[in-house]
PDB file of N, CA and C in Angstrom:
ATOM      1  N   MET A   1      58.022 154.931 110.238  1.00  0.00           N
ATOM      2  CA  MET A   1      57.247 155.580 109.587  1.00  0.00           C
ATOM      3  C   MET A   1      57.075 155.861 108.268  1.00  0.00           C
ATOM      4  N   ASN A   2      55.843 155.868 107.946  1.00  0.00           N
ATOM      5  CA  ASN A   2      55.817 156.246 106.317  1.00  0.00           C
ATOM      6  C   ASN A   2      55.564 157.724 106.283  1.00  0.00           C
ATOM      7  N   ILE A   3      56.384 158.226 105.869  1.00  0.00           N
ATOM      8  CA  ILE A   3      56.190 160.232 105.826  1.00  0.00           C
ATOM      9  C   ILE A   3      54.936 160.399 104.997  1.00  0.00           C
ATOM     10  N   SER A   4      54.644 159.479 103.953  1.00  0.00           N
ATOM     11  CA  SER A   4      53.553 159.683 102.873  1.00  0.00           C
ATOM     12  C   SER A   4      52.172 159.941 103.220  1.00  0.00           C
ATOM     13  N   SER A   5      51.767 159.131 104.343  1.00  0.00           N
ATOM     14  CA  SER A   5      50.547 158.960 105.085  1.00  0.00           C
ATOM     15  C   SER A   5      50.122 160.346 105.394  1.00  0.00           C
ATOM     16  N   THR A   6      51.262 161.229 105.934  1.00  0.00           N
ATOM     17  CA  THR A   6      50.546 162.479 106.656  1.00  0.00           C
ATOM     18  C   THR A   6      50.517 163.679 105.307  1.00  0.00           C
ATOM     19  N   ARG A   7      51.498 163.273 104.520  1.00  0.00           N
ATOM     20  CA  ARG A   7      51.166 164.284 103.209  1.00  0.00           C
ATOM     21  C   ARG A   7      49.830 163.927 102.521  1.00  0.00           C
ATOM     22  N   GLU A   8      49.410 162.994 102.603  1.00  0.00           N
ATOM     23  CA  GLU A   8      48.173 162.879 101.521  1.00  0.00           C
ATOM     24  C   GLU A   8      46.766 162.801 102.597  1.00  0.00           C
ATOM     25  N   GLY A   9      46.903 163.325 103.758  1.00  0.00           N
ATOM     26  CA  GLY A   9      45.601 163.546 104.451  1.00  0.00           C
ATOM     27  C   GLY A   9      45.304 162.247 105.558  1.00  0.00           C
ATOM     28  N   GLY A  10      45.811 161.311 105.634  1.00  0.00           N
ATOM     29  CA  GLY A  10      45.695 160.222 106.099  1.00  0.00           C
ATOM     30  C   GLY A  10      46.388 158.622 105.798  1.00  0.00           C
ATOM     31  N   ALA A  11      45.809 157.904 106.471  1.00  0.00           N
ATOM     32  CA  ALA A  11      46.392 156.450 105.843  1.00  0.00           C
ATOM     33  C   ALA A  11      44.991 155.422 105.277  1.00  0.00           C
ATOM     34  N   GLY A  12      44.017 156.312 104.885  1.00  0.00           N
ATOM     35  CA  GLY A  12      42.855 155.584 104.443  1.00  0.00           C
ATOM     36  C   GLY A  12      43.047 154.747 103.205  1.00  0.00           C
ATOM     37  N   PRO A  13      42.376 153.814 102.705  1.00  0.00           N
ATOM     38  CA  PRO A  13      42.517 153.077 101.515  1.00  0.00           C
ATOM     39  C   PRO A  13      42.391 153.880 100.382  1.00  0.00           C
ATOM     40  N   GLU A  14      41.981 155.168 100.551  1.00  0.00           N
ATOM     41  CA  GLU A  14      41.927 155.767  99.186  1.00  0.00           C
ATOM     42  C   GLU A  14      43.030 156.944  99.394  1.00  0.00           C
ATOM     43  N   ALA A  15      43.764 156.766 100.301  1.00  0.00           N
ATOM     44  CA  ALA A  15      45.005 157.777  99.976  1.00  0.00           C
ATOM     45  C   ALA A  15      46.207 157.250  99.256  1.00  0.00           C
ATOM     46  N   ARG A  16      46.393 157.839  98.667  1.00  0.00           N
ATOM     47  CA  ARG A  16      47.957 157.675  97.339  1.00  0.00           C
ATOM     48  C   ARG A  16      49.228 157.879  98.156  1.00  0.00           C
ATOM     49  N   VAL A  17      49.814 156.565  98.156  1.00  0.00           N
ATOM     50  CA  VAL A  17      51.477 156.850  98.655  1.00  0.00           C
ATOM     51  C   VAL A  17      52.235 157.070  97.585  1.00  0.00           C
ATOM     52  N   PRO A  18      52.946 158.400  97.556  1.00  0.00           N
ATOM     53  CA  PRO A  18      53.748 158.361  96.478  1.00  0.00           C
ATOM     54  C   PRO A  18      55.010 157.761  96.604  1.00  0.00           C
ATOM     55  N   ILE A  19      55.500 157.535  95.473  1.00  0.00           N
ATOM     56  CA  ILE A  19      56.865 156.791  95.298  1.00  0.00           C
ATOM     57  C   ILE A  19      57.937 157.881  95.131  1.00  0.00           C
ATOM     58  N   PHE A  20      57.806 159.197  94.826  1.00  0.00           N
ATOM     59  CA  PHE A  20      58.591 160.047  94.471  1.00  0.00           C
ATOM     60  C   PHE A  20      58.007 161.486  95.023  1.00  0.00           C
ATOM     61  N   TYR A  21      58.665 162.086  95.697  1.00  0.00           N
ATOM     62  CA  TYR A  21      58.504 163.619  96.283  1.00  0.00           C
ATOM     63  C   TYR A  21      59.449 164.899  95.093  1.00  0.00           C
ATOM     64  N   SER A  22      58.887 165.882  95.146  1.00  0.00           N
ATOM     65  CA  SER A  22      59.441 166.611  94.207  1.00  0.00           C
ATOM     66  C   SER A  22      60.450 167.012  95.243  1.00  0.00           C
ATOM     67  N   VAL A  23      61.598 168.283  95.089  1.00  0.00           N
ATOM     68  CA  VAL A  23      62.208 168.516  96.207  1.00  0.00           C
ATOM     69  C   VAL A  23      61.836 169.783  97.070  1.00  0.00           C
ATOM     70  N   PRO A  24      60.719 170.448  96.624  1.00  0.00           N
ATOM     71  CA  PRO A  24      59.877 171.313  97.560  1.00  0.00           C
ATOM     72  C   PRO A  24      59.450 170.437  98.421  1.00  0.00           C
ATOM     73  N   GLU A  25      58.581 169.280  97.920  1.00  0.00           N
ATOM     74  CA  GLU A  25      57.891 168.356  98.632  1.00  0.00           C
ATOM     75  C   GLU A  25      58.792 167.863  99.928  1.00  0.00           C
ATOM     76  N   ALA A  26      59.699 166.826  99.405  1.00  0.00           N
ATOM     77  CA  ALA A  26      60.765 166.677 100.190  1.00  0.00           C
ATOM     78  C   ALA A  26      61.159 167.651 101.643  1.00  0.00           C
ATOM     79  N   ALA A  27      61.611 168.828 100.773  1.00  0.00           N
ATOM     80  CA  ALA A  27      62.055 169.806 102.144  1.00  0.00           C
ATOM     81  C   ALA A  27      61.212 170.363 102.923  1.00  0.00           C
ATOM     82  N   LYS A  28      59.947 170.440 102.591  1.00  0.00           N
ATOM     83  CA  LYS A  28      58.841 170.499 103.486  1.00  0.00           C
ATOM     84  C   LYS A  28      58.579 169.276 104.543  1.00  0.00           C
ATOM     85  N   LEU A  29      58.655 168.150 104.131  1.00  0.00           N
ATOM     86  CA  LEU A  29      58.953 167.000 104.742  1.00  0.00           C
ATOM     87  C   LEU A  29      60.031 166.743 106.292  1.00  0.00           C
ATOM     88  N   ILE A  30      61.036 167.254 105.349  1.00  0.00           N
ATOM     89  CA  ILE A  30      62.181 167.146 106.669  1.00  0.00           C
ATOM     90  C   ILE A  30      62.553 168.762 107.155  1.00  0.00           C
ATOM     91  N   GLY A  31      61.694 169.706 106.978  1.00  0.00           N
ATOM     92  CA  GLY A  31      61.778 170.880 107.377  1.00  0.00           C
ATOM     93  C   GLY A  31      62.905 171.738 107.457  1.00  0.00           C
ATOM     94  N   THR A  32      63.414 171.899 106.014  1.00  0.00           N
ATOM     95  CA  THR A  32      64.240 172.470 105.571  1.00  0.00           C
ATOM     96  C   THR A  32      63.946 172.911 104.508  1.00  0.00           C
ATOM     97  N   SER A  33      64.619 174.194 103.951  1.00  0.00           N
ATOM     98  CA  SER A  33      64.162 174.864 102.856  1.00  0.00           C
ATOM     99  C   SER A  33      64.466 173.949 101.515  1.00  0.00           C
ATOM    100  N   SER A  34      63.853 174.479 100.420  1.00  0.00           N
ATOM    101  CA  SER A  34      63.878 173.862  99.004  1.00  0.00           C
ATOM    102  C   SER A  34      66.096 174.375  98.623  1.00  0.00           C
ATOM    103  N   VAL A  35      65.814 175.569  98.991  1.00  0.00           N
ATOM    104  CA  VAL A  35      67.557 176.060  98.803  1.00  0.00           C
ATOM    105  C   VAL A  35      68.603 174.844  99.267  1.00  0.00           C
ATOM    106  N   THR A  36      68.178 174.820 100.387  1.00  0.00           N
ATOM    107  CA  THR A  36      69.391 173.827 101.275  1.00  0.00           C
ATOM    108  C   THR A  36      69.240 172.444 100.726  1.00  0.00           C
ATOM    109  N   LEU A  37      67.973 172.036 100.393  1.00  0.00           N
ATOM    110  CA  LEU A  37      67.966 170.626  99.584  1.00  0.00           C
ATOM    111  C   LEU A  37      68.734 170.489  97.977  1.00  0.00           C
ATOM    112  N   TYR A  38      68.505 171.697  97.856  1.00  0.00           N
ATOM    113  CA  TYR A  38      68.965 171.269  96.119  1.00  0.00           C
ATOM    114  C   TYR A  38      70.588 171.661  96.291  1.00  0.00           C
ATOM    115  N   ARG A  39      71.126 172.233  97.023  1.00  0.00           N
ATOM    116  CA  ARG A  39      72.513 172.343  97.227  1.00  0.00           C
ATOM    117  C   ARG A  39      72.855 171.301  97.945  1.00  0.00           C
ATOM    118  N   ALA A  40      72.409 170.468  99.051  1.00  0.00           N
ATOM    119  CA  ALA A  40      72.673 169.344  99.419  1.00  0.00           C
ATOM    120  C   ALA A  40      72.652 168.167  98.366  1.00  0.00           C
ATOM    121  N   ILE A  41      71.758 168.153  97.200  1.00  0.00           N
ATOM    122  CA  ILE A  41      71.815 167.509  96.137  1.00  0.00           C
ATOM    123  C   ILE A  41      72.895 167.857  95.155  1.00  0.00           C
ATOM    124  N   ARG A  42      73.290 169.004  94.886  1.00  0.00           N
ATOM    125  CA  ARG A  42      74.231 169.409  94.111  1.00  0.00           C
ATOM    126  C   ARG A  42      75.501 168.969  94.596  1.00  0.00           C
ATOM    127  N   ASP A  43      75.989 168.828  95.791  1.00  0.00           N
ATOM    128  CA  ASP A  43      77.034 168.466  96.505  1.00  0.00           C
ATOM    129  C   ASP A  43      77.193 167.445  96.520  1.00  0.00           C
ATOM    130  N   GLY A  44      76.360 166.200  96.290  1.00  0.00           N
ATOM    131  CA  GLY A  44      76.465 165.123  96.595  1.00  0.00           C
ATOM    132  C   GLY A  44      76.513 164.636  97.836  1.00  0.00           C
ATOM    133  N   GLU A  45      75.447 165.384  98.667  1.00  0.00           N
ATOM    134  CA  GLU A  45      74.825 164.858  99.775  1.00  0.00           C
ATOM    135  C   GLU A  45      73.746 164.567 100.505  1.00  0.00           C
ATOM    136  N   PHE A  46      72.878 164.540  99.398  1.00  0.00           N
ATOM    137  CA  PHE A  46      71.290 164.037  99.720  1.00  0.00           C
ATOM    138  C   PHE A  46      71.059 163.328  98.246  1.00  0.00           C
ATOM    139  N   PRO A  47      70.753 161.825  98.047  1.00  0.00           N
ATOM    140  CA  PRO A  47      70.432 161.108  97.223  1.00  0.00           C
ATOM    141  C   PRO A  47      68.963 161.826  96.255  1.00  0.00           C
ATOM    142  N   ALA A  48      69.208 161.890  94.962  1.00  0.00           N
ATOM    143  CA  ALA A  48      68.275 162.275  94.432  1.00  0.00           C
ATOM    144  C   ALA A  48      68.151 161.584  92.914  1.00  0.00           C
ATOM    145  N   LEU A  49      67.052 161.555  91.904  1.00  0.00           N
ATOM    146  CA  LEU A  49      67.130 161.401  90.938  1.00  0.00           C
ATOM    147  C   LEU A  49      67.041 162.147  89.649  1.00  0.00           C
ATOM    148  N   ARG A  50      67.831 162.318  88.541  1.00  0.00           N
ATOM    149  CA  ARG A  50      67.543 163.327  87.907  1.00  0.00           C
ATOM    150  C   ARG A  50      66.617 163.092  86.262  1.00  0.00           C
ATOM    151  N   VAL A  51      65.738 163.645  86.190  1.00  0.00           N
ATOM    152  CA  VAL A  51      65.161 163.145  84.909  1.00  0.00           C
ATOM    153  C   VAL A  51      65.465 164.227  84.103  1.00  0.00           C
ATOM    154  N   ARG A  52      65.905 164.119  83.214  1.00  0.00           N
ATOM    155  CA  ARG A  52      65.916 165.373  82.550  1.00  0.00           C
ATOM    156  C   ARG A  52      66.789 166.546  82.971  1.00  0.00           C
ATOM    157  N   GLY A  53      65.997 167.635  83.330  1.00  0.00           N
ATOM    158  CA  GLY A  53      66.038 168.423  83.936  1.00  0.00           C
ATOM    159  C   GLY A  53      65.480 169.042  85.711  1.00  0.00           C
ATOM    160  N   ARG A  54      65.042 167.310  86.104  1.00  0.00           N
ATOM    161  CA  ARG A  54      64.206 167.702  87.194  1.00  0.00           C
ATOM    162  C   ARG A  54      64.764 166.741  88.231  1.00  0.00           C
ATOM    163  N   LEU A  55      64.724 167.337  89.447  1.00  0.00           N
ATOM    164  CA  LEU A  55      65.514 166.278  90.230  1.00  0.00           C
ATOM    165  C   LEU A  55      64.034 165.581  90.963  1.00  0.00           C
ATOM    166  N   ILE A  56      64.100 164.362  91.461  1.00  0.00           N
ATOM    167  CA  ILE A  56      63.074 163.779  92.249  1.00  0.00           C
ATOM    168  C   ILE A  56      63.819 163.030  93.509  1.00  0.00           C
ATOM    169  N   ILE A  57      62.964 162.956  94.857  1.00  0.00           N
ATOM    170  CA  ILE A  57      63.542 162.196  95.937  1.00  0.00           C
ATOM    171  C   ILE A  57      62.393 161.214  96.053  1.00  0.00           C
ATOM    172  N   PRO A  58      63.546 159.667  95.964  1.00  0.00           N
ATOM    173  CA  PRO A  58      62.225 158.539  96.100  1.00  0.00           C
ATOM    174  C   PRO A  58      61.764 158.392  97.478  1.00  0.00           C
ATOM    175  N   ALA A  59      60.514 158.526  97.745  1.00  0.00           N
ATOM    176  CA  ALA A  59      60.025 158.080  99.198  1.00  0.00           C
ATOM    177  C   ALA A  59      60.661 157.185  99.691  1.00  0.00           C
ATOM    178  N   ARG A  60      61.197 156.186  99.225  1.00  0.00           N
ATOM    179  CA  ARG A  60      61.864 155.179 100.046  1.00  0.00           C
ATOM    180  C   ARG A  60      63.352 155.594 100.723  1.00  0.00           C
ATOM    181  N   VAL A  61      63.787 156.627 100.126  1.00  0.00           N
ATOM    182  CA  VAL A  61      64.687 156.968 100.482  1.00  0.00           C
ATOM    183  C   VAL A  61      64.797 157.992 102.019  1.00  0.00           C
ATOM    184  N   LEU A  62      63.566 158.660 102.127  1.00  0.00           N
ATOM    185  CA  LEU A  62      63.137 159.352 103.240  1.00  0.00           C
ATOM    186  C   LEU A  62      62.786 158.130 104.526  1.00  0.00           C
ATOM    187  N   ASP A  63      62.146 157.051 103.974  1.00  0.00           N
ATOM    188  CA  ASP A  63      61.470 156.448 104.893  1.00  0.00           C
ATOM    189  C   ASP A  63      62.732 155.407 105.627  1.00  0.00           C
ATOM    190  N   GLU A  64      63.735 155.134 104.686  1.00  0.00           N
ATOM    191  CA  GLU A  64      64.830 154.681 105.076  1.00  0.00           C
ATOM    192  C   GLU A  64      65.964 155.247 106.138  1.00  0.00           C
ATOM    193  N   MET A  65      66.071 156.634 105.612  1.00  0.00           N
ATOM    194  CA  MET A  65      66.852 157.546 106.791  1.00  0.00           C
ATOM    195  C   MET A  65      66.041 157.508 107.864  1.00  0.00           C
ATOM    196  N   VAL A  66      64.642 157.823 108.119  1.00  0.00           N
ATOM    197  CA  VAL A  66      64.052 157.727 109.375  1.00  0.00           C
ATOM    198  C   VAL A  66      63.878 156.672 109.856  1.00  0.00           C
ATOM    199  N   SER A  67      64.147 155.303 109.596  1.00  0.00           N
ATOM    200  CA  SER A  67      64.238 153.947 110.088  1.00  0.00           C
ATOM    201  C   SER A  67      65.732 153.874 110.763  1.00  0.00           C
ATOM    202  N   THR A  68      66.443 153.972 109.809  1.00  0.00           N
ATOM    203  CA  THR A  68      68.150 154.259 110.521  1.00  0.00           C
ATOM    204  C   THR A  68      68.143 154.989 111.483  1.00  0.00           C
ATOM    205  N   ALA A  69      67.689 156.436 111.262  1.00  0.00           N
ATOM    206  CA  ALA A  69      68.022 157.141 112.550  1.00  0.00           C
ATOM    207  C   ALA A  69      67.109 156.651 113.912  1.00  0.00           C
ATOM    208  N   VAL A  70      65.889 155.904 113.769  1.00  0.00           N
ATOM    209  CA  VAL A  70      65.223 155.356 114.721  1.00  0.00           C
ATOM    210  C   VAL A  70      65.595 154.282 115.495  1.00  0.00           C
ATOM    211  N   GLY A  71      66.222 153.398 114.205  1.00  0.00           N
ATOM    212  CA  GLY A  71      66.809 151.979 114.629  1.00  0.00           C
ATOM    213  C   GLY A  71      68.192 152.275 115.617  1.00  0.00           C
ATOM    214  N   GLN A  72      69.066 153.092 115.018  1.00  0.00           N
ATOM    215  CA  GLN A  72      70.505 153.337 115.574  1.00  0.00           C
ATOM    216  C   GLN A  72      70.201 154.127 116.965  1.00  0.00           C
ATOM    217  N   GLN A  73      68.899 154.919 117.184  1.00  0.00           N
ATOM    218  CA  GLN A  73      68.636 156.074 118.225  1.00  0.00           C
ATOM    219  C   GLN A  73      69.775 156.886 117.994  1.00  0.00           C
ATOM    220  N   SER A  74      70.331 157.485 116.724  1.00  0.00           N
ATOM    221  CA  SER A  74      71.209 158.347 116.829  1.00  0.00           C
ATOM    222  C   SER A  74      71.080 159.189 115.341  1.00  0.00           C
ATOM    223  N   VAL A  75      71.646 160.181 115.041  1.00  0.00           N
ATOM    224  CA  VAL A  75      71.623 161.572 114.281  1.00  0.00           C
ATOM    225  C   VAL A  75      71.645 160.599 113.347  1.00  0.00           C
ATOM    226  N   VAL A  76      71.596 160.597 111.929  1.00  0.00           N
ATOM    227  CA  VAL A  76      71.674 160.169 110.399  1.00  0.00           C
ATOM    228  C   VAL A  76      72.516 161.544 109.687  1.00  0.00           C
ATOM    229  N   ASP A  77      73.822 161.192 109.718  1.00  0.00           N
ATOM    230  CA  ASP A  77      74.113 162.646 108.936  1.00  0.00           C
ATOM    231  C   ASP A  77      73.690 161.869 107.282  1.00  0.00           C
ATOM    232  N   VAL A  78      72.815 162.793 106.749  1.00  0.00           N
ATOM    233  CA  VAL A  78      72.778 162.053 105.254  1.00  0.00           C
ATOM    234  C   VAL A  78      73.988 162.204 104.297  1.00  0.00           C
ATOM    235  N   ALA A  79      74.815 163.211 104.487  1.00  0.00           N
ATOM    236  CA  ALA A  79      75.999 163.073 103.817  1.00  0.00           C
ATOM    237  C   ALA A  79      76.950 162.022 103.910  1.00  0.00           C
ATOM    238  N   ALA A  80      76.976 161.103 104.802  1.00  0.00           N
ATOM    239  CA  ALA A  80      77.510 159.994 105.047  1.00  0.00           C
ATOM    240  C   ALA A  80      76.642 158.517 105.237  1.00  0.00           C
ATOM    241  N   TRP A  81      75.266 159.049 104.897  1.00  0.00           N
ATOM    242  CA  TRP A  81      74.495 158.224 105.108  1.00  0.00           C
ATOM    243  C   TRP A  81      74.562 157.102 103.540  1.00  0.00           C
ATOM    244  N   VAL A  82      74.483 155.939 103.744  1.00  0.00           N
ATOM    245  CA  VAL A  82      74.736 154.806 102.979  1.00  0.00           C
ATOM    246  C   VAL A  82      73.164 154.010 103.120  1.00  0.00           C
ATOM    247  N   PRO A  83      72.440 153.502 102.072  1.00  0.00           N
ATOM    248  CA  PRO A  83      71.223 152.929 102.179  1.00  0.00           C
ATOM    249  C   PRO A  83      71.800 151.439 102.540  1.00  0.00           C
ATOM    250  N   SER A  84      70.327 150.633 103.327  1.00  0.00           N
ATOM    251  CA  SER A  84      70.908 149.481 103.617  1.00  0.00           C
ATOM    252  C   SER A  84      70.684 148.494 102.124  1.00  0.00           C
ATOM    253  N   PRO A  85      71.663 147.615 102.285  1.00  0.00           N
ATOM    254  CA  PRO A  85      71.826 147.014 100.806  1.00  0.00           C
ATOM    255  C   PRO A  85      70.076 145.725 101.024  1.00  0.00           C
ATOM    256  N   ARG A  86      69.918 145.702  99.573  1.00  0.00           N
ATOM    257  CA  ARG A  86      68.861 145.156  99.267  1.00  0.00           C
ATOM    258  C   ARG A  86      68.995 143.663  99.453  1.00  0.00           C
ATOM    259  N   ARG A  87      68.063 142.597 100.180  1.00  0.00           N
ATOM    260  CA  ARG A  87      68.128 141.535 100.057  1.00  0.00           C
ATOM    261  C   ARG A  87      67.481 140.926  98.883  1.00  0.00           C
ATOM    262  N   SER A  88      68.269 139.984  98.546  1.00  0.00           N
ATOM    263  CA  SER A  88      67.855 139.336  97.058  1.00  0.00           C
ATOM    264  C   SER A  88      67.050 138.268  97.765  1.00  0.00           C
ATOM    265  N   ALA A  89      65.603 137.990  96.949  1.00  0.00           N
ATOM    266  CA  ALA A  89      64.643 137.174  96.896  1.00  0.00           C
ATOM    267  C   ALA A  89      65.622 135.775  96.912  1.00  0.00           C
ATOM    268  N   ASP A  90      65.090 135.014  97.614  1.00  0.00           N
ATOM    269  CA  ASP A  90      66.010 133.517  97.405  1.00  0.00           C
ATOM    270  C   ASP A  90      64.658 132.983  97.110  1.00  0.00           C
TER     271      ASP A  90
END
């Protein structure tokens, strides 16, 4: 599932797929408040990048969390979630 296609209003060729989300955007996508997501990030329970004072969420992180939950057919505890290792190109 690519969460970003719904955010941009469609999956047509003109739709831009974001690489990063702001914390408020990511919170809206996952159905929680920005405050809750900021707290989870602060407590080390949700992955984010800090660029100077701004926190951003890689879209890929959200996609991988969804894929993990669907693939395992279970609840993913984001505080314990570990991304799948990258495969090296041979």
